[in-house]
Amino acid sequence: GGPRSADGGTTKFSFEDRTAAINISGSQSILVPWKQYSDTSDHPNCVEIRVNSDTRQDQTFVSSSLWSVGVEHTSGTNAVLKLTVSDPTGSYSVTSSQFPFYNDEYTQIIVTRNTNSFNVYGKEAFQGRIRSEVSASLELEGHIWQTDTTLKIGGYNFTGSVDEFRYWTTPLSESRMDNHTLMPDAIDGNHHSSSTEDLIYRLDFEYPKDRSSDGDVYIKNVSINEGYGEPFATASGFTSISE
């Protein structure tokens, strides 16, 4: 962006931005509906979450009884991403190479499914560039990814903040993952109408509220596409706050 300079180049365009996130620790969790979308027999094939934590321990960000994604602490500020998926005979896991995670910066975590291929990506931006990224893949025939009815954000050993949570009908291309890492509010997908067709669930946590049982436990799905039919996620176990 910005006006062209005399030599034909461009100048950097910058602007102030603010965002809100939800803090989660201990047994606190967000319960998100997990089901078929529209009139298809398919569940979402891409789950995207943006997390920040400096608590150096193993952590689970998203889980159901059938699959989960999180990190395992290795040493110092380093961790590995871990994706676990089940089939009728048991659970199978894959881990990435280690990368800096516990550094008070947000990391974009994306899980994609393409038939029997599962992929997990972790990307972190710093000063306008992606400074660390890892990935891992798992092949699993006969998986039961679709069977459960609820995903849980937090609720076990996650201590940190969540800025965005999204379902996409199709796996995002890695170039779109990069753009979301660099620009967290971006909702572009693989084609020009993805933001209204493929993005079927989005929690952006932009309006700070008391999420205890005495406050407002219903977190609005702000996706433009309302075809998923689930207008809210539910906050569970949060303590009351006065401001």
Protein backbone atom coordinates (compact mmCIF):
# COMPACT_ATOMS: atom_id res chain seq x y z
CA GLY A 1 0.00 0.00 0.00
CA GLY A 2 0.89 3.66 -0.05
CA PRO A 3 1.72 6.13 -2.82
CA ARG A 4 4.34 5.32 -5.41
CA SER A 5 7.70 6.99 -4.99
CA ALA A 6 9.44 8.88 -7.79
CA ASP A 7 11.53 5.86 -8.77
CA GLY A 8 8.44 3.68 -9.29
CA GLY A 9 8.64 1.75 -6.03
CA THR A 10 6.11 1.70 -3.20
CA THR A 11 6.15 3.02 0.35
CA LYS A 12 4.98 1.04 3.34
CA PHE A 13 1.43 1.60 4.57
CA SER A 14 0.94 1.12 8.30
CA PHE A 15 -1.99 1.61 10.67
CA GLU A 16 -2.88 1.16 14.32
CA ASP A 17 -4.89 -1.92 15.21
CA ARG A 18 -6.25 -3.48 18.39
CA THR A 19 -7.68 -6.87 19.15
CA ALA A 20 -9.14 -8.68 22.14
CA ALA A 21 -8.51 -12.27 23.22
CA ILE A 22 -10.01 -14.61 25.80
CA ASN A 23 -7.83 -15.86 28.67
CA ILE A 24 -8.13 -19.55 29.54
CA SER A 25 -6.56 -21.59 32.33
CA GLY A 26 -7.20 -24.69 34.41
CA SER A 27 -10.60 -26.26 33.79
CA GLN A 28 -11.92 -23.22 31.91
CA SER A 29 -13.02 -24.13 28.38
CA ILE A 30 -15.10 -23.16 25.37
CA LEU A 31 -17.44 -25.81 23.99
CA VAL A 32 -17.87 -25.55 20.22
CA PRO A 33 -20.45 -27.53 18.19
CA TRP A 34 -18.82 -30.08 15.85
CA LYS A 35 -21.11 -31.53 13.18
CA GLN A 36 -21.90 -31.88 9.49
CA TYR A 37 -22.26 -28.64 7.60
CA SER A 38 -25.09 -27.71 5.24
CA ASP A 39 -26.71 -30.71 3.54
CA THR A 40 -23.45 -32.61 3.11
CA SER A 41 -22.30 -35.65 5.06
CA ASP A 42 -18.97 -33.95 5.79
CA HIS A 43 -17.62 -32.15 8.85
CA PRO A 44 -15.33 -29.09 8.63
CA ASN A 45 -12.02 -30.05 7.04
CA CYS A 46 -9.92 -27.26 8.51
CA VAL A 47 -9.75 -25.99 12.11
CA GLU A 48 -7.80 -22.80 12.79
CA ILE A 49 -6.89 -21.35 16.19
CA ARG A 50 -4.58 -18.53 17.26
CA VAL A 51 -2.98 -19.03 20.68
CA ASN A 52 -0.48 -17.37 22.98
CA SER A 53 1.12 -18.90 26.08
CA ASP A 54 4.33 -18.51 28.06
CA THR A 55 3.56 -21.34 30.51
CA ARG A 56 6.23 -23.96 29.79
CA GLN A 57 4.31 -27.22 29.96
CA ASP A 58 2.52 -29.67 27.68
CA GLN A 59 -0.72 -28.06 26.52
CA THR A 60 -3.85 -29.15 24.65
CA PHE A 61 -5.54 -26.40 22.66
CA VAL A 62 -8.45 -28.21 20.97
CA SER A 63 -9.78 -31.68 21.77
CA SER A 64 -12.65 -34.12 21.48
CA SER A 65 -12.84 -37.76 22.45
CA LEU A 66 -11.52 -38.59 18.96
CA TRP A 67 -8.80 -36.07 18.09
CA SER A 68 -6.74 -33.30 19.64
CA VAL A 69 -4.00 -30.78 18.89
CA GLY A 70 -1.53 -29.10 21.24
CA VAL A 71 2.14 -28.78 22.08
CA GLU A 72 4.65 -30.78 24.11
CA HIS A 73 7.34 -28.84 25.95
CA THR A 74 10.87 -29.86 24.96
CA SER A 75 13.34 -27.38 26.50
CA GLY A 76 13.47 -23.68 27.30
CA THR A 77 10.94 -21.83 25.17
CA ASN A 78 10.77 -24.68 22.63
CA ALA A 79 7.95 -27.14 21.96
CA VAL A 80 6.72 -29.55 19.30
CA LEU A 81 3.22 -29.55 17.82
CA LYS A 82 1.29 -32.75 18.48
CA LEU A 83 -1.75 -34.00 16.54
CA THR A 84 -3.63 -37.09 17.70
CA VAL A 85 -6.40 -38.78 15.67
CA SER A 86 -8.33 -41.95 16.54
CA ASP A 87 -9.71 -44.90 14.61
CA PRO A 88 -11.77 -47.83 15.96
CA THR A 89 -8.62 -49.60 17.17
CA GLY A 90 -6.80 -46.80 18.96
CA SER A 91 -5.16 -43.36 18.80
CA TYR A 92 -2.27 -42.30 16.57
CA SER A 93 -0.08 -39.24 16.99
CA VAL A 94 2.41 -37.23 14.99
CA THR A 95 4.73 -34.44 16.18
CA SER A 96 6.54 -31.66 14.35
CA SER A 97 10.12 -30.56 14.75
CA GLN A 98 10.64 -28.24 17.73
CA PHE A 99 10.13 -24.51 17.44
CA PRO A 100 10.01 -21.47 19.77
CA PHE A 101 6.53 -21.31 21.30
CA TYR A 102 6.57 -20.01 24.89
CA ASN A 103 7.64 -16.47 23.98
CA ASP A 104 4.54 -14.28 24.53
CA GLU A 105 3.77 -14.16 20.79
CA TYR A 106 0.66 -15.52 19.06
CA THR A 107 1.01 -18.71 17.01
CA GLN A 108 -1.38 -19.70 14.24
CA ILE A 109 -2.29 -23.40 14.58
CA ILE A 110 -4.11 -25.06 11.67
CA VAL A 111 -5.32 -28.67 11.37
CA THR A 112 -6.48 -29.84 7.93
CA ARG A 113 -8.02 -33.07 6.68
CA ASN A 114 -8.05 -34.30 3.09
CA THR A 115 -9.72 -37.73 2.96
CA ASN A 116 -7.30 -39.84 5.06
CA SER A 117 -4.47 -37.30 5.25
CA PHE A 118 -4.18 -35.04 8.30
CA ASN A 119 -1.81 -32.09 8.55
CA VAL A 120 -0.96 -29.73 11.38
CA TYR A 121 0.81 -26.39 10.92
CA GLY A 122 2.24 -23.89 13.37
CA LYS A 123 3.29 -20.40 12.24
CA GLU A 124 4.45 -17.35 14.17
CA ALA A 125 4.82 -13.80 12.83
CA PHE A 126 7.17 -11.14 14.15
CA GLN A 127 7.69 -7.62 12.78
CA GLY A 128 5.89 -8.28 9.53
CA ARG A 129 7.44 -11.63 8.63
CA ILE A 130 6.97 -15.28 9.53
CA ARG A 131 9.97 -16.11 11.69
CA SER A 132 9.14 -19.70 12.63
CA GLU A 133 6.95 -22.41 11.10
CA VAL A 134 6.61 -26.17 11.52
CA SER A 135 4.30 -28.88 10.23
CA ALA A 136 3.62 -32.60 10.46
CA SER A 137 1.43 -35.13 8.62
CA LEU A 138 -0.48 -38.28 9.53
CA GLU A 139 -2.08 -40.84 7.21
CA LEU A 140 -4.94 -42.76 8.80
CA GLU A 141 -7.54 -44.84 6.99
CA GLY A 142 -10.74 -45.66 8.87
CA HIS A 143 -10.42 -42.60 11.11
CA ILE A 144 -13.41 -41.38 13.14
CA TRP A 145 -12.69 -37.63 12.89
CA GLN A 146 -16.37 -36.89 12.20
CA THR A 147 -18.07 -38.90 14.93
CA ASP A 148 -18.06 -36.57 17.95
CA THR A 149 -20.48 -33.65 18.50
CA THR A 150 -18.40 -31.11 20.47
CA LEU A 151 -14.88 -29.71 20.37
CA LYS A 152 -13.37 -28.25 23.52
CA ILE A 153 -10.96 -25.31 23.55
CA GLY A 154 -8.84 -25.59 26.70
CA GLY A 155 -10.27 -27.40 29.72
CA TYR A 156 -7.19 -29.43 30.66
CA ASN A 157 -3.65 -28.06 30.68
CA PHE A 158 -3.86 -24.96 28.49
CA THR A 159 -2.90 -21.67 30.13
CA GLY A 160 -2.91 -18.77 27.73
CA SER A 161 -5.00 -16.66 25.38
CA VAL A 162 -7.04 -17.40 22.25
CA ASP A 163 -7.54 -14.67 19.66
CA GLU A 164 -9.35 -16.47 16.80
CA PHE A 165 -11.06 -19.82 16.25
CA ARG A 166 -12.45 -20.92 12.86
CA TYR A 167 -13.94 -23.79 10.87
CA TRP A 168 -13.42 -24.01 7.10
CA THR A 169 -15.18 -26.48 4.82
CA THR A 170 -11.96 -27.12 2.85
CA PRO A 171 -8.28 -27.21 3.83
CA LEU A 172 -6.65 -23.79 3.55
CA SER A 173 -3.71 -23.41 1.18
CA GLU A 174 -0.47 -22.63 2.95
CA SER A 175 -0.31 -19.17 1.36
CA ARG A 176 -3.63 -18.33 3.08
CA MET A 177 -2.30 -19.66 6.37
CA ASP A 178 0.70 -17.34 5.97
CA ASN A 179 -1.56 -14.36 5.34
CA HIS A 180 -3.68 -15.11 8.44
CA THR A 181 -0.50 -15.40 10.49
CA LEU A 182 0.66 -11.98 9.31
CA MET A 183 -2.81 -10.37 9.45
CA PRO A 184 -4.88 -12.09 12.18
CA ASP A 185 -8.20 -10.50 11.20
CA ALA A 186 -7.90 -11.64 7.57
CA ILE A 187 -10.62 -14.09 6.49
CA ASP A 188 -9.49 -14.76 2.93
CA GLY A 189 -9.60 -18.37 1.74
CA ASN A 190 -8.57 -20.35 -1.30
CA HIS A 191 -10.83 -18.48 -3.73
CA HIS A 192 -12.45 -15.05 -3.96
CA SER A 193 -15.73 -16.06 -2.27
CA SER A 194 -14.24 -18.28 0.46
CA SER A 195 -15.01 -15.80 3.25
CA THR A 196 -18.75 -16.18 2.57
CA GLU A 197 -18.81 -19.81 1.41
CA ASP A 198 -16.03 -21.81 3.08
CA LEU A 199 -15.69 -20.01 6.43
CA ILE A 200 -18.64 -21.46 8.35
CA TYR A 201 -17.71 -20.76 11.98
CA ARG A 202 -15.68 -17.96 13.57
CA LEU A 203 -15.12 -16.82 17.14
CA ASP A 204 -13.15 -13.55 17.30
CA PHE A 205 -13.56 -12.65 21.02
CA GLU A 206 -13.64 -8.95 20.12
CA TYR A 207 -16.00 -7.90 22.92
CA PRO A 208 -14.63 -8.55 26.44
CA LYS A 209 -17.34 -9.92 28.72
CA ASP A 210 -17.82 -11.74 32.00
CA ARG A 211 -17.97 -15.35 30.76
CA SER A 212 -18.87 -16.89 34.13
CA SER A 213 -22.22 -18.57 34.78
CA ASP A 214 -23.33 -15.22 36.28
CA GLY A 215 -22.41 -13.38 33.08
CA ASP A 216 -22.75 -14.19 29.37
CA VAL A 217 -21.66 -17.74 28.54
CA TYR A 218 -22.75 -17.56 24.89
CA ILE A 219 -19.93 -16.55 22.52
CA LYS A 220 -21.29 -15.48 19.15
CA ASN A 221 -20.35 -17.17 15.89
CA VAL A 222 -19.50 -14.13 13.71
CA SER A 223 -19.06 -16.01 10.42
CA ILE A 224 -20.79 -14.30 7.50
CA ASN A 225 -22.06 -17.71 6.38
CA GLU A 226 -24.86 -18.82 8.71
CA GLY A 227 -25.31 -22.22 7.05
CA TYR A 228 -23.62 -24.14 9.87
CA GLY A 229 -26.69 -23.44 11.99
CA GLU A 230 -24.84 -22.94 15.29
CA PRO A 231 -24.94 -19.28 16.38
CA PHE A 232 -22.96 -19.69 19.61
CA ALA A 233 -20.19 -21.49 21.44
CA THR A 234 -20.50 -21.93 25.22
CA ALA A 235 -18.05 -20.76 27.88
CA SER A 236 -17.61 -23.22 30.77
CA GLY A 237 -15.93 -22.90 34.15
CA PHE A 238 -14.90 -19.24 33.95
CA THR A 239 -14.73 -17.20 37.14
CA SER A 240 -16.70 -13.98 37.54
CA ILE A 241 -14.96 -10.69 36.79
CA SER A 242 -16.19 -7.18 37.60
CA GLU A 243 -14.49 -5.30 34.73
